[in-house]
Amino acid sequence: MEEPGFRVLLTDAGDRKMEAVRAIRTVTGLSLWNSKLLLASAPVEITAAGWLEVADGAVRVLEDASARITLLCDCCGRTIRRGAFPVNLARYMEPWSLETCWASCPPAAI
């Protein structure tokens, strides 16, 4: 059993495309030109599977720039809605299995 990763998918640039390009650049570290190309190829994966805190930070930066983002759980493949339910971060320190994925079975309120 491994800890699940969370992927960030850019689905749409939103209304403020230049801000979205800058946000992609901030999140990925790509050049301005490559960030623009990445935005033009939406829907596209912005970050590979990683920690929830990193993915959540990337989503926050991109959403602040009006980009539309989808956060996916690698464990079960489900879409995670930010703020839909409380997340027990202590739970991420233990090995997981598909049966205990919080995207499939949200944890009880803390």
C-alpha atoms as a PDB file:
ATOM      1  CA  MET A   1       0.000   0.000   0.000  1.00  0.00           C
ATOM      2  CA  GLU A   2       1.226   3.445  -0.890  1.00  0.00           C
ATOM      3  CA  GLU A   3       0.142   6.917  -0.021  1.00  0.00           C
ATOM      4  CA  PRO A   4      -2.045   8.269  -2.831  1.00  0.00           C
ATOM      5  CA  GLY A   5      -0.914  11.146  -4.977  1.00  0.00           C
ATOM      6  CA  PHE A   6      -3.031  14.003  -6.209  1.00  0.00           C
ATOM      7  CA  ARG A   7      -2.833  15.351  -9.759  1.00  0.00           C
ATOM      8  CA  VAL A   8      -3.842  18.823 -10.901  1.00  0.00           C
ATOM      9  CA  LEU A   9      -5.516  19.075 -14.317  1.00  0.00           C
ATOM     10  CA  LEU A  10      -6.044  22.407 -16.043  1.00  0.00           C
ATOM     11  CA  THR A  11      -9.399  22.222 -17.807  1.00  0.00           C
ATOM     12  CA  ASP A  12      -9.862  25.830 -18.968  1.00  0.00           C
ATOM     13  CA  ALA A  13      -7.905  29.099 -18.953  1.00  0.00           C
ATOM     14  CA  GLY A  14     -10.750  31.193 -17.613  1.00  0.00           C
ATOM     15  CA  ASP A  15     -11.243  34.884 -18.336  1.00  0.00           C
ATOM     16  CA  ARG A  16      -7.786  36.202 -17.391  1.00  0.00           C
ATOM     17  CA  LYS A  17      -5.430  34.234 -19.638  1.00  0.00           C
ATOM     18  CA  MET A  18      -2.245  36.196 -18.895  1.00  0.00           C
ATOM     19  CA  GLU A  19      -2.758  35.733 -15.158  1.00  0.00           C
ATOM     20  CA  ALA A  20      -3.342  32.033 -15.782  1.00  0.00           C
ATOM     21  CA  VAL A  21      -0.072  31.839 -17.738  1.00  0.00           C
ATOM     22  CA  ARG A  22       1.776  33.499 -14.850  1.00  0.00           C
ATOM     23  CA  ALA A  23       0.125  31.117 -12.385  1.00  0.00           C
ATOM     24  CA  ILE A  24       1.180  28.093 -14.472  1.00  0.00           C
ATOM     25  CA  ARG A  25       4.694  29.494 -14.527  1.00  0.00           C
ATOM     26  CA  THR A  26       4.646  29.889 -10.745  1.00  0.00           C
ATOM     27  CA  VAL A  27       3.371  26.345 -10.162  1.00  0.00           C
ATOM     28  CA  THR A  28       5.503  24.522 -12.720  1.00  0.00           C
ATOM     29  CA  GLY A  29       8.631  26.639 -13.005  1.00  0.00           C
ATOM     30  CA  LEU A  30       8.354  26.582 -16.798  1.00  0.00           C
ATOM     31  CA  SER A  31       9.305  29.517 -18.986  1.00  0.00           C
ATOM     32  CA  LEU A  32       6.662  32.041 -19.966  1.00  0.00           C
ATOM     33  CA  TRP A  33       6.571  30.609 -23.497  1.00  0.00           C
ATOM     34  CA  ASN A  34       6.155  27.001 -22.324  1.00  0.00           C
ATOM     35  CA  SER A  35       3.526  28.056 -19.784  1.00  0.00           C
ATOM     36  CA  LYS A  36       1.593  29.720 -22.607  1.00  0.00           C
ATOM     37  CA  LEU A  37       1.857  26.562 -24.729  1.00  0.00           C
ATOM     38  CA  LEU A  38       0.680  24.445 -21.807  1.00  0.00           C
ATOM     39  CA  LEU A  39      -2.332  26.710 -21.309  1.00  0.00           C
ATOM     40  CA  ALA A  40      -3.177  26.503 -25.020  1.00  0.00           C
ATOM     41  CA  SER A  41      -3.196  22.702 -24.854  1.00  0.00           C
ATOM     42  CA  ALA A  42      -5.824  22.511 -22.078  1.00  0.00           C
ATOM     43  CA  PRO A  43      -7.133  20.148 -20.801  1.00  0.00           C
ATOM     44  CA  VAL A  44      -3.692  19.115 -19.588  1.00  0.00           C
ATOM     45  CA  GLU A  45      -2.034  17.799 -16.449  1.00  0.00           C
ATOM     46  CA  ILE A  46      -0.200  20.604 -14.648  1.00  0.00           C
ATOM     47  CA  THR A  47       1.400  18.615 -11.847  1.00  0.00           C
ATOM     48  CA  ALA A  48       2.141  14.919 -11.549  1.00  0.00           C
ATOM     49  CA  ALA A  49       0.992  12.904  -8.568  1.00  0.00           C
ATOM     50  CA  GLY A  50       2.173  14.518  -5.373  1.00  0.00           C
ATOM     51  CA  TRP A  51       1.270  15.415  -1.833  1.00  0.00           C
ATOM     52  CA  LEU A  52      -2.147  16.876  -1.120  1.00  0.00           C
ATOM     53  CA  GLU A  53      -0.659  20.080   0.312  1.00  0.00           C
ATOM     54  CA  VAL A  54       1.346  20.687  -2.876  1.00  0.00           C
ATOM     55  CA  ALA A  55      -1.622  19.927  -5.125  1.00  0.00           C
ATOM     56  CA  ASP A  56      -3.938  22.100  -3.023  1.00  0.00           C
ATOM     57  CA  GLY A  57      -1.459  24.983  -3.165  1.00  0.00           C
ATOM     58  CA  ALA A  58      -1.203  24.659  -6.947  1.00  0.00           C
ATOM     59  CA  VAL A  59      -4.989  24.593  -7.273  1.00  0.00           C
ATOM     60  CA  ARG A  60      -5.294  27.689  -5.098  1.00  0.00           C
ATOM     61  CA  VAL A  61      -2.739  29.652  -7.187  1.00  0.00           C
ATOM     62  CA  LEU A  62      -4.362  28.616 -10.474  1.00  0.00           C
ATOM     63  CA  GLU A  63      -7.925  29.276  -9.317  1.00  0.00           C
ATOM     64  CA  ASP A  64      -6.914  32.732  -8.069  1.00  0.00           C
ATOM     65  CA  ALA A  65      -5.863  33.424 -11.664  1.00  0.00           C
ATOM     66  CA  SER A  66      -9.374  32.387 -12.860  1.00  0.00           C
ATOM     67  CA  ALA A  67      -8.218  29.053 -14.329  1.00  0.00           C
ATOM     68  CA  ARG A  68     -10.562  26.086 -14.020  1.00  0.00           C
ATOM     69  CA  ILE A  69      -8.895  23.149 -12.320  1.00  0.00           C
ATOM     70  CA  THR A  70      -9.699  19.526 -11.539  1.00  0.00           C
ATOM     71  CA  LEU A  71      -7.976  17.770  -8.637  1.00  0.00           C
ATOM     72  CA  LEU A  72      -7.753  13.973  -9.037  1.00  0.00           C
ATOM     73  CA  CYS A  73      -6.904  11.262  -6.513  1.00  0.00           C
ATOM     74  CA  ASP A  74      -4.421   8.743  -7.936  1.00  0.00           C
ATOM     75  CA  CYS A  75      -5.575   6.091  -5.485  1.00  0.00           C
ATOM     76  CA  CYS A  76      -9.121   5.779  -6.785  1.00  0.00           C
ATOM     77  CA  GLY A  77      -9.211   8.142  -9.775  1.00  0.00           C
ATOM     78  CA  ARG A  78     -12.025  10.263  -8.410  1.00  0.00           C
ATOM     79  CA  THR A  79     -12.322  14.022  -8.719  1.00  0.00           C
ATOM     80  CA  ILE A  80     -11.754  15.849  -5.442  1.00  0.00           C
ATOM     81  CA  ARG A  81     -13.828  18.929  -4.753  1.00  0.00           C
ATOM     82  CA  ARG A  82     -11.819  21.368  -2.653  1.00  0.00           C
ATOM     83  CA  GLY A  83     -13.570  22.294   0.556  1.00  0.00           C
ATOM     84  CA  ALA A  84     -16.307  19.703   0.063  1.00  0.00           C
ATOM     85  CA  PHE A  85     -15.492  18.015   3.359  1.00  0.00           C
ATOM     86  CA  PRO A  86     -12.811  18.309   6.031  1.00  0.00           C
ATOM     87  CA  VAL A  87      -9.620  16.404   5.376  1.00  0.00           C
ATOM     88  CA  ASN A  88      -7.773  14.693   8.195  1.00  0.00           C
ATOM     89  CA  LEU A  89      -4.156  15.369   7.217  1.00  0.00           C
ATOM     90  CA  ALA A  90      -2.860  12.953   9.867  1.00  0.00           C
ATOM     91  CA  ARG A  91      -4.417  10.183   7.795  1.00  0.00           C
ATOM     92  CA  TYR A  92      -1.932  10.855   4.977  1.00  0.00           C
ATOM     93  CA  MET A  93       0.968   9.709   7.125  1.00  0.00           C
ATOM     94  CA  GLU A  94      -0.183   6.063   7.090  1.00  0.00           C
ATOM     95  CA  PRO A  95      -0.178   3.580   4.176  1.00  0.00           C
ATOM     96  CA  TRP A  96      -3.473   3.521   2.294  1.00  0.00           C
ATOM     97  CA  SER A  97      -5.468   1.039   0.320  1.00  0.00           C
ATOM     98  CA  LEU A  98      -8.276   1.696  -2.133  1.00  0.00           C
ATOM     99  CA  GLU A  99     -10.826   0.763   0.520  1.00  0.00           C
ATOM    100  CA  THR A 100      -9.612   3.561   2.808  1.00  0.00           C
ATOM    101  CA  CYS A 101      -9.205   6.295   0.197  1.00  0.00           C
ATOM    102  CA  TRP A 102     -10.895   9.418   1.523  1.00  0.00           C
ATOM    103  CA  ALA A 103     -12.013  10.361  -1.983  1.00  0.00           C
ATOM    104  CA  SER A 104     -14.076   7.156  -2.041  1.00  0.00           C
ATOM    105  CA  CYS A 105     -15.029   7.279   1.632  1.00  0.00           C
ATOM    106  CA  PRO A 106     -14.790  10.819   3.059  1.00  0.00           C
ATOM    107  CA  PRO A 107     -13.602  10.850   6.678  1.00  0.00           C
ATOM    108  CA  ALA A 108     -15.919  11.761   9.497  1.00  0.00           C
ATOM    109  CA  ALA A 109     -16.025  15.451  10.396  1.00  0.00           C
ATOM    110  CA  ILE A 110     -13.258  16.437  12.758  1.00  0.00           C
END
